N, C-alpha and C. Protein backbone atom coordinates (compact mmCIF):
# COMPACT_ATOMS: atom_id res chain seq x y z
N UNK A 1 -78.12 31.26 11.44
CA UNK A 1 -77.57 29.99 11.01
C UNK A 1 -77.73 28.95 12.10
N UNK A 2 -77.54 29.34 13.34
CA UNK A 2 -77.65 28.38 14.44
C UNK A 2 -79.04 27.75 14.48
N UNK A 3 -80.06 28.55 14.21
CA UNK A 3 -81.43 28.03 14.22
C UNK A 3 -81.59 26.96 13.14
N UNK A 4 -81.05 27.23 11.96
CA UNK A 4 -81.14 26.25 10.88
C UNK A 4 -80.37 24.98 11.21
N UNK A 5 -79.17 25.15 11.77
CA UNK A 5 -78.37 23.98 12.14
C UNK A 5 -79.11 23.15 13.20
N UNK A 6 -79.65 23.83 14.21
CA UNK A 6 -80.37 23.14 15.28
C UNK A 6 -81.61 22.43 14.77
N UNK A 7 -82.21 22.98 13.72
CA UNK A 7 -83.42 22.38 13.14
C UNK A 7 -83.08 21.23 12.19
N UNK A 8 -81.79 20.98 11.98
CA UNK A 8 -81.39 19.86 11.13
C UNK A 8 -81.35 20.20 9.65
N UNK A 9 -81.05 21.43 9.31
CA UNK A 9 -80.98 21.83 7.91
C UNK A 9 -80.04 20.90 7.14
N UNK A 10 -80.43 20.57 5.93
CA UNK A 10 -79.63 19.70 5.06
C UNK A 10 -78.52 20.54 4.44
N UNK A 11 -77.30 20.38 4.92
CA UNK A 11 -76.18 21.16 4.43
C UNK A 11 -75.73 20.74 3.04
N UNK A 12 -76.23 19.60 2.56
CA UNK A 12 -75.90 19.14 1.22
C UNK A 12 -76.97 19.52 0.20
N UNK A 13 -78.02 20.19 0.65
CA UNK A 13 -79.08 20.62 -0.27
C UNK A 13 -78.51 21.58 -1.30
N UNK A 14 -79.03 21.49 -2.52
CA UNK A 14 -78.55 22.36 -3.59
C UNK A 14 -79.70 23.23 -4.10
N UNK A 15 -79.33 24.40 -4.64
CA UNK A 15 -80.33 25.27 -5.25
C UNK A 15 -80.55 24.84 -6.70
N UNK A 16 -81.30 25.60 -7.45
CA UNK A 16 -81.63 25.22 -8.83
C UNK A 16 -80.39 25.16 -9.73
N UNK A 17 -79.29 25.76 -9.30
CA UNK A 17 -78.05 25.74 -10.06
C UNK A 17 -77.11 24.63 -9.60
N UNK A 18 -77.53 23.85 -8.61
CA UNK A 18 -76.71 22.77 -8.09
C UNK A 18 -75.68 23.22 -7.08
N UNK A 19 -75.82 24.44 -6.55
CA UNK A 19 -74.87 24.97 -5.59
C UNK A 19 -75.38 24.77 -4.16
N UNK A 20 -74.50 24.34 -3.30
CA UNK A 20 -74.83 24.20 -1.89
C UNK A 20 -74.71 25.55 -1.19
N UNK A 21 -75.13 25.60 0.06
CA UNK A 21 -74.98 26.83 0.83
C UNK A 21 -73.51 27.18 1.01
N UNK A 22 -72.65 26.17 1.05
CA UNK A 22 -71.22 26.42 1.17
C UNK A 22 -70.68 27.12 -0.07
N UNK A 23 -71.10 26.68 -1.23
CA UNK A 23 -70.67 27.34 -2.47
C UNK A 23 -71.17 28.78 -2.50
N UNK A 24 -72.41 28.99 -2.08
CA UNK A 24 -72.95 30.35 -2.04
C UNK A 24 -72.12 31.23 -1.10
N UNK A 25 -71.70 30.68 0.02
CA UNK A 25 -70.87 31.44 0.97
C UNK A 25 -69.51 31.74 0.38
N UNK A 26 -68.97 30.81 -0.42
CA UNK A 26 -67.69 31.07 -1.10
C UNK A 26 -67.84 32.26 -2.02
N UNK A 27 -68.84 32.23 -2.88
CA UNK A 27 -69.04 33.33 -3.83
C UNK A 27 -69.39 34.64 -3.13
N UNK A 28 -70.01 34.54 -1.96
CA UNK A 28 -70.34 35.73 -1.19
C UNK A 28 -69.14 36.31 -0.47
N UNK A 29 -68.01 35.63 -0.55
CA UNK A 29 -66.75 36.08 0.07
C UNK A 29 -66.92 36.31 1.56
N UNK A 30 -67.59 35.35 2.21
CA UNK A 30 -67.84 35.48 3.63
C UNK A 30 -67.15 34.35 4.39
N UNK A 31 -65.90 34.56 4.81
CA UNK A 31 -65.17 33.50 5.49
C UNK A 31 -65.81 33.04 6.80
N UNK A 32 -66.49 33.93 7.51
CA UNK A 32 -67.13 33.54 8.76
C UNK A 32 -68.24 32.52 8.50
N UNK A 33 -69.03 32.75 7.47
CA UNK A 33 -70.11 31.81 7.13
C UNK A 33 -69.51 30.49 6.65
N UNK A 34 -68.47 30.55 5.83
CA UNK A 34 -67.82 29.33 5.36
C UNK A 34 -67.33 28.52 6.56
N UNK A 35 -66.68 29.18 7.50
CA UNK A 35 -66.15 28.49 8.67
C UNK A 35 -67.27 27.86 9.50
N UNK A 36 -68.37 28.58 9.67
CA UNK A 36 -69.50 28.03 10.44
C UNK A 36 -70.14 26.85 9.73
N UNK A 37 -70.26 26.92 8.41
CA UNK A 37 -70.82 25.80 7.66
C UNK A 37 -69.92 24.58 7.76
N UNK A 38 -68.62 24.77 7.64
CA UNK A 38 -67.68 23.66 7.77
C UNK A 38 -67.75 23.05 9.17
N UNK A 39 -67.81 23.89 10.19
CA UNK A 39 -67.89 23.41 11.57
C UNK A 39 -69.18 22.62 11.80
N UNK A 40 -70.24 22.98 11.07
CA UNK A 40 -71.53 22.29 11.20
C UNK A 40 -71.57 21.00 10.39
N UNK A 41 -70.53 20.75 9.59
CA UNK A 41 -70.47 19.50 8.83
C UNK A 41 -70.71 19.62 7.34
N UNK A 42 -70.74 20.83 6.80
CA UNK A 42 -70.92 20.98 5.35
C UNK A 42 -69.75 20.33 4.63
N UNK A 43 -70.05 19.58 3.58
CA UNK A 43 -69.03 18.88 2.80
C UNK A 43 -68.62 19.75 1.62
N UNK A 44 -67.34 20.16 1.54
CA UNK A 44 -66.90 21.02 0.45
C UNK A 44 -66.77 20.31 -0.90
N UNK A 45 -67.12 19.01 -0.93
CA UNK A 45 -66.98 18.24 -2.16
C UNK A 45 -68.29 17.71 -2.70
N UNK A 46 -69.42 18.34 -2.36
CA UNK A 46 -70.72 17.90 -2.89
C UNK A 46 -71.35 18.99 -3.74
N UNK A 47 -72.30 18.58 -4.57
CA UNK A 47 -73.02 19.52 -5.43
C UNK A 47 -72.45 19.52 -6.84
N UNK A 48 -73.16 20.20 -7.72
CA UNK A 48 -72.69 20.30 -9.11
C UNK A 48 -71.46 21.16 -9.23
N UNK A 49 -71.32 22.09 -8.31
CA UNK A 49 -70.12 22.92 -8.26
C UNK A 49 -69.47 22.66 -6.91
N UNK A 50 -68.22 22.30 -6.94
CA UNK A 50 -67.50 21.91 -5.73
C UNK A 50 -66.94 23.17 -5.05
N UNK A 51 -67.21 23.32 -3.76
CA UNK A 51 -66.78 24.52 -3.02
C UNK A 51 -65.26 24.68 -3.05
N UNK A 52 -64.52 23.57 -2.96
CA UNK A 52 -63.06 23.67 -3.00
C UNK A 52 -62.58 24.29 -4.31
N UNK A 53 -63.18 23.85 -5.42
CA UNK A 53 -62.79 24.37 -6.73
C UNK A 53 -63.20 25.83 -6.89
N UNK A 54 -64.37 26.17 -6.41
CA UNK A 54 -64.83 27.56 -6.47
C UNK A 54 -63.90 28.46 -5.68
N UNK A 55 -63.47 27.99 -4.50
CA UNK A 55 -62.58 28.78 -3.65
C UNK A 55 -61.24 29.00 -4.32
N UNK A 56 -60.73 27.97 -4.98
CA UNK A 56 -59.45 28.10 -5.68
C UNK A 56 -59.55 29.14 -6.79
N UNK A 57 -60.60 29.04 -7.59
CA UNK A 57 -60.79 29.98 -8.69
C UNK A 57 -60.97 31.41 -8.21
N UNK A 58 -61.73 31.59 -7.15
CA UNK A 58 -61.97 32.94 -6.66
C UNK A 58 -60.71 33.51 -6.00
N UNK A 59 -59.92 32.68 -5.35
CA UNK A 59 -58.67 33.16 -4.74
C UNK A 59 -57.70 33.61 -5.82
N UNK A 60 -57.68 32.91 -6.94
CA UNK A 60 -56.81 33.31 -8.04
C UNK A 60 -57.24 34.65 -8.61
N UNK A 61 -58.52 34.96 -8.52
CA UNK A 61 -59.04 36.24 -9.03
C UNK A 61 -59.01 37.31 -7.95
N UNK A 62 -58.37 37.02 -6.82
CA UNK A 62 -58.39 37.92 -5.67
C UNK A 62 -57.59 39.19 -5.89
N UNK A 63 -56.69 39.20 -6.85
CA UNK A 63 -55.80 40.34 -7.05
C UNK A 63 -56.10 41.00 -8.39
N UNK A 64 -56.30 42.28 -8.39
CA UNK A 64 -56.54 43.05 -9.60
C UNK A 64 -55.20 43.61 -10.07
N UNK A 65 -54.62 43.00 -11.09
CA UNK A 65 -53.29 43.41 -11.57
C UNK A 65 -53.28 44.86 -12.04
N UNK A 66 -54.33 45.29 -12.71
CA UNK A 66 -54.36 46.65 -13.24
C UNK A 66 -54.38 47.70 -12.13
N UNK A 67 -55.14 47.44 -11.09
CA UNK A 67 -55.25 48.40 -10.00
C UNK A 67 -54.20 48.17 -8.91
N UNK A 68 -53.49 47.05 -9.00
CA UNK A 68 -52.47 46.68 -7.99
C UNK A 68 -53.05 46.70 -6.58
N UNK A 69 -54.23 46.12 -6.43
CA UNK A 69 -54.87 46.06 -5.12
C UNK A 69 -55.77 44.84 -5.05
N UNK A 70 -56.10 44.44 -3.83
CA UNK A 70 -57.02 43.31 -3.70
C UNK A 70 -58.37 43.63 -4.32
N UNK A 71 -58.89 42.68 -5.08
CA UNK A 71 -60.16 42.90 -5.76
C UNK A 71 -61.33 42.35 -4.96
N UNK A 72 -61.17 41.21 -4.35
CA UNK A 72 -62.27 40.56 -3.66
C UNK A 72 -61.81 40.08 -2.29
N UNK A 73 -61.91 40.92 -1.30
CA UNK A 73 -61.46 40.52 0.03
C UNK A 73 -62.21 39.29 0.53
N UNK A 74 -61.52 38.43 1.18
CA UNK A 74 -62.14 37.24 1.75
C UNK A 74 -61.84 35.97 1.00
N UNK A 75 -61.60 36.05 -0.29
CA UNK A 75 -61.41 34.83 -1.07
C UNK A 75 -60.14 34.07 -0.71
N UNK A 76 -59.07 34.77 -0.42
CA UNK A 76 -57.83 34.09 -0.05
C UNK A 76 -58.03 33.34 1.27
N UNK A 77 -58.70 33.96 2.22
CA UNK A 77 -58.97 33.30 3.50
C UNK A 77 -59.88 32.09 3.32
N UNK A 78 -60.88 32.22 2.48
CA UNK A 78 -61.79 31.10 2.22
C UNK A 78 -61.05 29.96 1.55
N UNK A 79 -60.18 30.28 0.59
CA UNK A 79 -59.40 29.24 -0.06
C UNK A 79 -58.53 28.50 0.96
N UNK A 80 -57.94 29.24 1.88
CA UNK A 80 -57.13 28.60 2.92
C UNK A 80 -57.97 27.69 3.81
N UNK A 81 -59.20 28.11 4.12
CA UNK A 81 -60.09 27.28 4.93
C UNK A 81 -60.43 25.96 4.23
N UNK A 82 -60.68 26.04 2.93
CA UNK A 82 -61.14 24.87 2.18
C UNK A 82 -60.02 24.02 1.60
N UNK A 83 -58.90 24.64 1.29
CA UNK A 83 -57.84 23.90 0.59
C UNK A 83 -56.52 23.86 1.35
N UNK A 84 -56.50 24.41 2.53
CA UNK A 84 -55.30 24.34 3.36
C UNK A 84 -54.24 25.28 3.04
């Protein structure tokens, strides 16, 4: 990631689905990558899908009621990073 940041990667670039790298990191449940993207200046409010909204939705799905256990580790932490 550092190489891309140093090379001036466009953090607002979107893929064919309109998702930024930040949105991809949210869905990947990788809080470290989310934190690094934010520190590099990624905007959580750009793209066809907003990273803040994705984080909220995924955090709500973080708990599996039937199994009474966390379903997707990382989403609660990511939601806290993006939404406070």
